[in-house]
Amino acid sequence: MKKHDTYRNAEKYHDPTAGKAIQKASQQPELISWYIKTIKDLAEIMDLEIVGYVAVKDKKTKIIW
């Protein structure tokens, strides 16, 4: 889905409220971003390298980031 399409509904009318809600729901939470950065920083301190995707699962929502 293109970025400008998120602000349009099925009939192609502008729908900024729904578009903003969709965009906000799909953003990674700040806590997850902080956690992944901390893991990468810790690996750097220990002279290690993360080789691949770091996946984190929220136990409450079951969403994998």
PDB file of N, CA and C in Angstrom:
ATOM      1  N   MET A   1       0.851  -1.169   0.000  1.00  0.00           N
ATOM      2  CA  MET A   1       0.000   0.000   0.000  1.00  0.00           C
ATOM      3  C   MET A   1       0.894   1.229   0.000  1.00  0.00           C
ATOM      4  N   LYS A   2       0.607   2.165  -0.871  1.00  0.00           N
ATOM      5  CA  LYS A   2       1.386   3.387  -0.945  1.00  0.00           C
ATOM      6  C   LYS A   2       1.017   4.307   0.209  1.00  0.00           C
ATOM      7  N   LYS A   3       1.980   5.159   0.578  1.00  0.00           N
ATOM      8  CA  LYS A   3       1.775   6.035   1.727  1.00  0.00           C
ATOM      9  C   LYS A   3       0.550   6.921   1.542  1.00  0.00           C
ATOM     10  N   HIS A   4       0.349   7.480   0.361  1.00  0.00           N
ATOM     11  CA  HIS A   4      -0.788   8.385   0.161  1.00  0.00           C
ATOM     12  C   HIS A   4      -2.119   7.640   0.097  1.00  0.00           C
ATOM     13  N   ASP A   5      -2.106   6.337  -0.107  1.00  0.00           N
ATOM     14  CA  ASP A   5      -3.346   5.556  -0.129  1.00  0.00           C
ATOM     15  C   ASP A   5      -3.895   5.307   1.276  1.00  0.00           C
ATOM     16  N   THR A   6      -3.080   5.427   2.298  1.00  0.00           N
ATOM     17  CA  THR A   6      -3.549   5.167   3.657  1.00  0.00           C
ATOM     18  C   THR A   6      -4.534   6.222   4.123  1.00  0.00           C
ATOM     19  N   TYR A   7      -4.564   7.336   3.440  1.00  0.00           N
ATOM     20  CA  TYR A   7      -5.487   8.404   3.825  1.00  0.00           C
ATOM     21  C   TYR A   7      -6.733   8.422   2.947  1.00  0.00           C
ATOM     22  N   ARG A   8      -7.005   7.352   2.238  1.00  0.00           N
ATOM     23  CA  ARG A   8      -8.199   7.248   1.396  1.00  0.00           C
ATOM     24  C   ARG A   8      -8.966   5.979   1.768  1.00  0.00           C
ATOM     25  N   ASN A   9     -10.284   6.053   1.699  1.00  0.00           N
ATOM     26  CA  ASN A   9     -11.094   4.875   2.003  1.00  0.00           C
ATOM     27  C   ASN A   9     -11.343   4.068   0.729  1.00  0.00           C
ATOM     28  N   ALA A  10     -12.165   3.048   0.798  1.00  0.00           N
ATOM     29  CA  ALA A  10     -12.417   2.163  -0.347  1.00  0.00           C
ATOM     30  C   ALA A  10     -13.024   2.899  -1.539  1.00  0.00           C
ATOM     31  N   GLU A  11     -13.780   3.953  -1.264  1.00  0.00           N
ATOM     32  CA  GLU A  11     -14.391   4.739  -2.343  1.00  0.00           C
ATOM     33  C   GLU A  11     -13.455   5.829  -2.854  1.00  0.00           C
ATOM     34  N   LYS A  12     -12.214   5.835  -2.386  1.00  0.00           N
ATOM     35  CA  LYS A  12     -11.159   6.772  -2.781  1.00  0.00           C
ATOM     36  C   LYS A  12     -11.357   8.183  -2.244  1.00  0.00           C
ATOM     37  N   TYR A  13     -12.194   8.339  -1.234  1.00  0.00           N
ATOM     38  CA  TYR A  13     -12.342   9.641  -0.586  1.00  0.00           C
ATOM     39  C   TYR A  13     -11.274   9.767   0.502  1.00  0.00           C
ATOM     40  N   HIS A  14     -10.838  10.994   0.731  1.00  0.00           N
ATOM     41  CA  HIS A  14      -9.859  11.225   1.790  1.00  0.00           C
ATOM     42  C   HIS A  14     -10.452  10.828   3.137  1.00  0.00           C
ATOM     43  N   ASP A  15      -9.676  10.078   3.909  1.00  0.00           N
ATOM     44  CA  ASP A  15     -10.115   9.628   5.232  1.00  0.00           C
ATOM     45  C   ASP A  15      -8.921   9.737   6.186  1.00  0.00           C
ATOM     46  N   PRO A  16      -8.573  10.963   6.581  1.00  0.00           N
ATOM     47  CA  PRO A  16      -7.371  11.141   7.392  1.00  0.00           C
ATOM     48  C   PRO A  16      -7.439  10.480   8.764  1.00  0.00           C
ATOM     49  N   THR A  17      -8.616  10.376   9.352  1.00  0.00           N
ATOM     50  CA  THR A  17      -8.730   9.759  10.678  1.00  0.00           C
ATOM     51  C   THR A  17      -8.347   8.284  10.619  1.00  0.00           C
ATOM     52  N   ALA A  18      -8.909   7.561   9.679  1.00  0.00           N
ATOM     53  CA  ALA A  18      -8.579   6.141   9.524  1.00  0.00           C
ATOM     54  C   ALA A  18      -7.123   5.977   9.103  1.00  0.00           C
ATOM     55  N   GLY A  19      -6.659   6.843   8.232  1.00  0.00           N
ATOM     56  CA  GLY A  19      -5.274   6.764   7.776  1.00  0.00           C
ATOM     57  C   GLY A  19      -4.286   6.940   8.906  1.00  0.00           C
ATOM     58  N   LYS A  20      -4.538   7.907   9.768  1.00  0.00           N
ATOM     59  CA  LYS A  20      -3.648   8.136  10.906  1.00  0.00           C
ATOM     60  C   LYS A  20      -3.696   6.968  11.883  1.00  0.00           C
ATOM     61  N   ALA A  21      -4.880   6.390  12.076  1.00  0.00           N
ATOM     62  CA  ALA A  21      -5.014   5.241  12.979  1.00  0.00           C
ATOM     63  C   ALA A  21      -4.240   4.039  12.444  1.00  0.00           C
ATOM     64  N   ILE A  22      -4.339   3.801  11.150  1.00  0.00           N
ATOM     65  CA  ILE A  22      -3.614   2.684  10.531  1.00  0.00           C
ATOM     66  C   ILE A  22      -2.116   2.904  10.654  1.00  0.00           C
ATOM     67  N   GLN A  23      -1.681   4.120  10.378  1.00  0.00           N
ATOM     68  CA  GLN A  23      -0.258   4.431  10.448  1.00  0.00           C
ATOM     69  C   GLN A  23       0.265   4.276  11.878  1.00  0.00           C
ATOM     70  N   LYS A  24      -0.488   4.754  12.853  1.00  0.00           N
ATOM     71  CA  LYS A  24      -0.063   4.658  14.250  1.00  0.00           C
ATOM     72  C   LYS A  24      -0.022   3.204  14.718  1.00  0.00           C
ATOM     73  N   ALA A  25      -0.992   2.401  14.302  1.00  0.00           N
ATOM     74  CA  ALA A  25      -1.058   1.001  14.722  1.00  0.00           C
ATOM     75  C   ALA A  25       0.089   0.181  14.150  1.00  0.00           C
ATOM     76  N   SER A  26       0.587   0.573  12.991  1.00  0.00           N
ATOM     77  CA  SER A  26       1.639  -0.206  12.351  1.00  0.00           C
ATOM     78  C   SER A  26       3.038   0.236  12.773  1.00  0.00           C
ATOM     79  N   GLN A  27       3.151   1.296  13.562  1.00  0.00           N
ATOM     80  CA  GLN A  27       4.452   1.755  14.021  1.00  0.00           C
ATOM     81  C   GLN A  27       4.954   0.885  15.166  1.00  0.00           C
ATOM     82  N   GLN A  28       6.246   0.664  15.145  1.00  0.00           N
ATOM     83  CA  GLN A  28       6.876  -0.116  16.205  1.00  0.00           C
ATOM     84  C   GLN A  28       6.889   0.705  17.490  1.00  0.00           C
ATOM     85  N   PRO A  29       6.467   0.134  18.603  1.00  0.00           N
ATOM     86  CA  PRO A  29       6.473   0.878  19.868  1.00  0.00           C
ATOM     87  C   PRO A  29       7.880   1.322  20.271  1.00  0.00           C
ATOM     88  N   GLU A  30       7.947   2.433  20.986  1.00  0.00           N
ATOM     89  CA  GLU A  30       9.234   2.987  21.411  1.00  0.00           C
ATOM     90  C   GLU A  30      10.004   2.002  22.290  1.00  0.00           C
ATOM     91  N   LEU A  31       9.304   1.254  23.127  1.00  0.00           N
ATOM     92  CA  LEU A  31       9.963   0.278  23.999  1.00  0.00           C
ATOM     93  C   LEU A  31      10.683  -0.797  23.179  1.00  0.00           C
ATOM     94  N   ILE A  32      10.059  -1.258  22.108  1.00  0.00           N
ATOM     95  CA  ILE A  32      10.674  -2.284  21.252  1.00  0.00           C
ATOM     96  C   ILE A  32      11.913  -1.719  20.574  1.00  0.00           C
ATOM     97  N   SER A  33      11.821  -0.487  20.068  1.00  0.00           N
ATOM     98  CA  SER A  33      12.974   0.156  19.432  1.00  0.00           C
ATOM     99  C   SER A  33      14.129   0.276  20.418  1.00  0.00           C
ATOM    100  N   TRP A  34      13.820   0.701  21.645  1.00  0.00           N
ATOM    101  CA  TRP A  34      14.845   0.838  22.678  1.00  0.00           C
ATOM    102  C   TRP A  34      15.476  -0.519  22.990  1.00  0.00           C
ATOM    103  N   TYR A  35      14.660  -1.552  23.107  1.00  0.00           N
ATOM    104  CA  TYR A  35      15.147  -2.891  23.445  1.00  0.00           C
ATOM    105  C   TYR A  35      16.104  -3.419  22.373  1.00  0.00           C
ATOM    106  N   ILE A  36      15.726  -3.279  21.118  1.00  0.00           N
ATOM    107  CA  ILE A  36      16.574  -3.763  20.020  1.00  0.00           C
ATOM    108  C   ILE A  36      17.879  -2.979  19.971  1.00  0.00           C
ATOM    109  N   LYS A  37      17.807  -1.661  20.167  1.00  0.00           N
ATOM    110  CA  LYS A  37      19.023  -0.843  20.187  1.00  0.00           C
ATOM    111  C   LYS A  37      19.925  -1.267  21.340  1.00  0.00           C
ATOM    112  N   THR A  38      19.345  -1.562  22.494  1.00  0.00           N
ATOM    113  CA  THR A  38      20.125  -1.997  23.656  1.00  0.00           C
ATOM    114  C   THR A  38      20.835  -3.316  23.371  1.00  0.00           C
ATOM    115  N   ILE A  39      20.151  -4.243  22.720  1.00  0.00           N
ATOM    116  CA  ILE A  39      20.766  -5.530  22.355  1.00  0.00           C
ATOM    117  C   ILE A  39      21.953  -5.300  21.421  1.00  0.00           C
ATOM    118  N   LYS A  40      21.763  -4.436  20.425  1.00  0.00           N
ATOM    119  CA  LYS A  40      22.848  -4.146  19.478  1.00  0.00           C
ATOM    120  C   LYS A  40      24.014  -3.448  20.170  1.00  0.00           C
ATOM    121  N   ASP A  41      23.716  -2.513  21.070  1.00  0.00           N
ATOM    122  CA  ASP A  41      24.777  -1.818  21.807  1.00  0.00           C
ATOM    123  C   ASP A  41      25.548  -2.783  22.703  1.00  0.00           C
ATOM    124  N   LEU A  42      24.835  -3.679  23.373  1.00  0.00           N
ATOM    125  CA  LEU A  42      25.481  -4.670  24.231  1.00  0.00           C
ATOM    126  C   LEU A  42      26.388  -5.590  23.408  1.00  0.00           C
ATOM    127  N   ALA A  43      25.926  -5.995  22.255  1.00  0.00           N
ATOM    128  CA  ALA A  43      26.746  -6.837  21.381  1.00  0.00           C
ATOM    129  C   ALA A  43      28.013  -6.090  20.962  1.00  0.00           C
ATOM    130  N   GLU A  44      27.873  -4.807  20.659  1.00  0.00           N
ATOM    131  CA  GLU A  44      29.027  -3.993  20.267  1.00  0.00           C
ATOM    132  C   GLU A  44      30.039  -3.904  21.410  1.00  0.00           C
ATOM    133  N   ILE A  45      29.562  -3.683  22.626  1.00  0.00           N
ATOM    134  CA  ILE A  45      30.447  -3.604  23.798  1.00  0.00           C
ATOM    135  C   ILE A  45      31.213  -4.912  23.986  1.00  0.00           C
ATOM    136  N   MET A  46      30.550  -6.033  23.718  1.00  0.00           N
ATOM    137  CA  MET A  46      31.169  -7.348  23.899  1.00  0.00           C
ATOM    138  C   MET A  46      31.927  -7.801  22.653  1.00  0.00           C
ATOM    139  N   ASP A  47      32.103  -6.872  21.704  1.00  0.00           N
ATOM    140  CA  ASP A  47      32.806  -7.134  20.450  1.00  0.00           C
ATOM    141  C   ASP A  47      32.142  -8.266  19.660  1.00  0.00           C
ATOM    142  N   LEU A  48      30.818  -8.235  19.649  1.00  0.00           N
ATOM    143  CA  LEU A  48      30.024  -9.185  18.875  1.00  0.00           C
ATOM    144  C   LEU A  48      29.239  -8.415  17.823  1.00  0.00           C
ATOM    145  N   GLU A  49      28.688  -9.142  16.881  1.00  0.00           N
ATOM    146  CA  GLU A  49      27.908  -8.527  15.813  1.00  0.00           C
ATOM    147  C   GLU A  49      26.591  -9.285  15.651  1.00  0.00           C
ATOM    148  N   ILE A  50      25.489  -8.554  15.564  1.00  0.00           N
ATOM    149  CA  ILE A  50      24.193  -9.167  15.288  1.00  0.00           C
ATOM    150  C   ILE A  50      24.158  -9.475  13.792  1.00  0.00           C
ATOM    151  N   VAL A  51      23.978 -10.743  13.457  1.00  0.00           N
ATOM    152  CA  VAL A  51      23.984 -11.157  12.060  1.00  0.00           C
ATOM    153  C   VAL A  51      22.598 -11.665  11.713  1.00  0.00           C
ATOM    154  N   GLY A  52      21.719 -10.759  11.381  1.00  0.00           N
ATOM    155  CA  GLY A  52      20.370 -11.159  11.023  1.00  0.00           C
ATOM    156  C   GLY A  52      19.334 -10.305  11.712  1.00  0.00           C
ATOM    157  N   TYR A  53      18.131 -10.711  11.562  1.00  0.00           N
ATOM    158  CA  TYR A  53      16.974  -9.974  12.053  1.00  0.00           C
ATOM    159  C   TYR A  53      16.735 -10.291  13.520  1.00  0.00           C
ATOM    160  N   VAL A  54      16.550  -9.248  14.329  1.00  0.00           N
ATOM    161  CA  VAL A  54      16.224  -9.428  15.745  1.00  0.00           C
ATOM    162  C   VAL A  54      14.709  -9.387  15.873  1.00  0.00           C
ATOM    163  N   ALA A  55      14.098 -10.497  16.235  1.00  0.00           N
ATOM    164  CA  ALA A  55      12.642 -10.567  16.376  1.00  0.00           C
ATOM    165  C   ALA A  55      12.275 -10.544  17.852  1.00  0.00           C
ATOM    166  N   VAL A  56      11.287  -9.710  18.182  1.00  0.00           N
ATOM    167  CA  VAL A  56      10.812  -9.584  19.557  1.00  0.00           C
ATOM    168  C   VAL A  56       9.304  -9.769  19.536  1.00  0.00           C
ATOM    169  N   LYS A  57       8.774 -10.630  20.433  1.00  0.00           N
ATOM    170  CA  LYS A  57       7.338 -10.884  20.482  1.00  0.00           C
ATOM    171  C   LYS A  57       6.748 -10.289  21.752  1.00  0.00           C
ATOM    172  N   ASP A  58       5.710  -9.496  21.592  1.00  0.00           N
ATOM    173  CA  ASP A  58       4.991  -8.926  22.728  1.00  0.00           C
ATOM    174  C   ASP A  58       4.090 -10.022  23.296  1.00  0.00           C
ATOM    175  N   LYS A  59       4.280 -10.376  24.559  1.00  0.00           N
ATOM    176  CA  LYS A  59       3.510 -11.467  25.167  1.00  0.00           C
ATOM    177  C   LYS A  59       2.030 -11.132  25.304  1.00  0.00           C
ATOM    178  N   LYS A  60       1.707  -9.849  25.492  1.00  0.00           N
ATOM    179  CA  LYS A  60       0.305  -9.455  25.651  1.00  0.00           C
ATOM    180  C   LYS A  60      -0.445  -9.452  24.325  1.00  0.00           C
ATOM    181  N   THR A  61       0.139  -8.799  23.310  1.00  0.00           N
ATOM    182  CA  THR A  61      -0.561  -8.643  22.029  1.00  0.00           C
ATOM    183  C   THR A  61      -0.227  -9.741  21.028  1.00  0.00           C
ATOM    184  N   LYS A  62       0.818 -10.504  21.296  1.00  0.00           N
ATOM    185  CA  LYS A  62       1.294 -11.580  20.410  1.00  0.00           C
ATOM    186  C   LYS A  62       1.854 -11.047  19.088  1.00  0.00           C
ATOM    187  N   ILE A  63       2.147  -9.749  19.025  1.00  0.00           N
ATOM    188  CA  ILE A  63       2.709  -9.147  17.819  1.00  0.00           C
ATOM    189  C   ILE A  63       4.216  -9.369  17.821  1.00  0.00           C
ATOM    190  N   ILE A  64       4.743  -9.778  16.677  1.00  0.00           N
ATOM    191  CA  ILE A  64       6.184  -9.969  16.518  1.00  0.00           C
ATOM    192  C   ILE A  64       6.736  -8.758  15.786  1.00  0.00           C
ATOM    193  N   TRP A  65       7.722  -8.132  16.399  1.00  0.00           N
ATOM    194  CA  TRP A  65       8.354  -6.949  15.808  1.00  0.00           C
ATOM    195  C   TRP A  65       9.725  -7.322  15.325  1.00  0.00           C
TER     196      TRP A  65
END
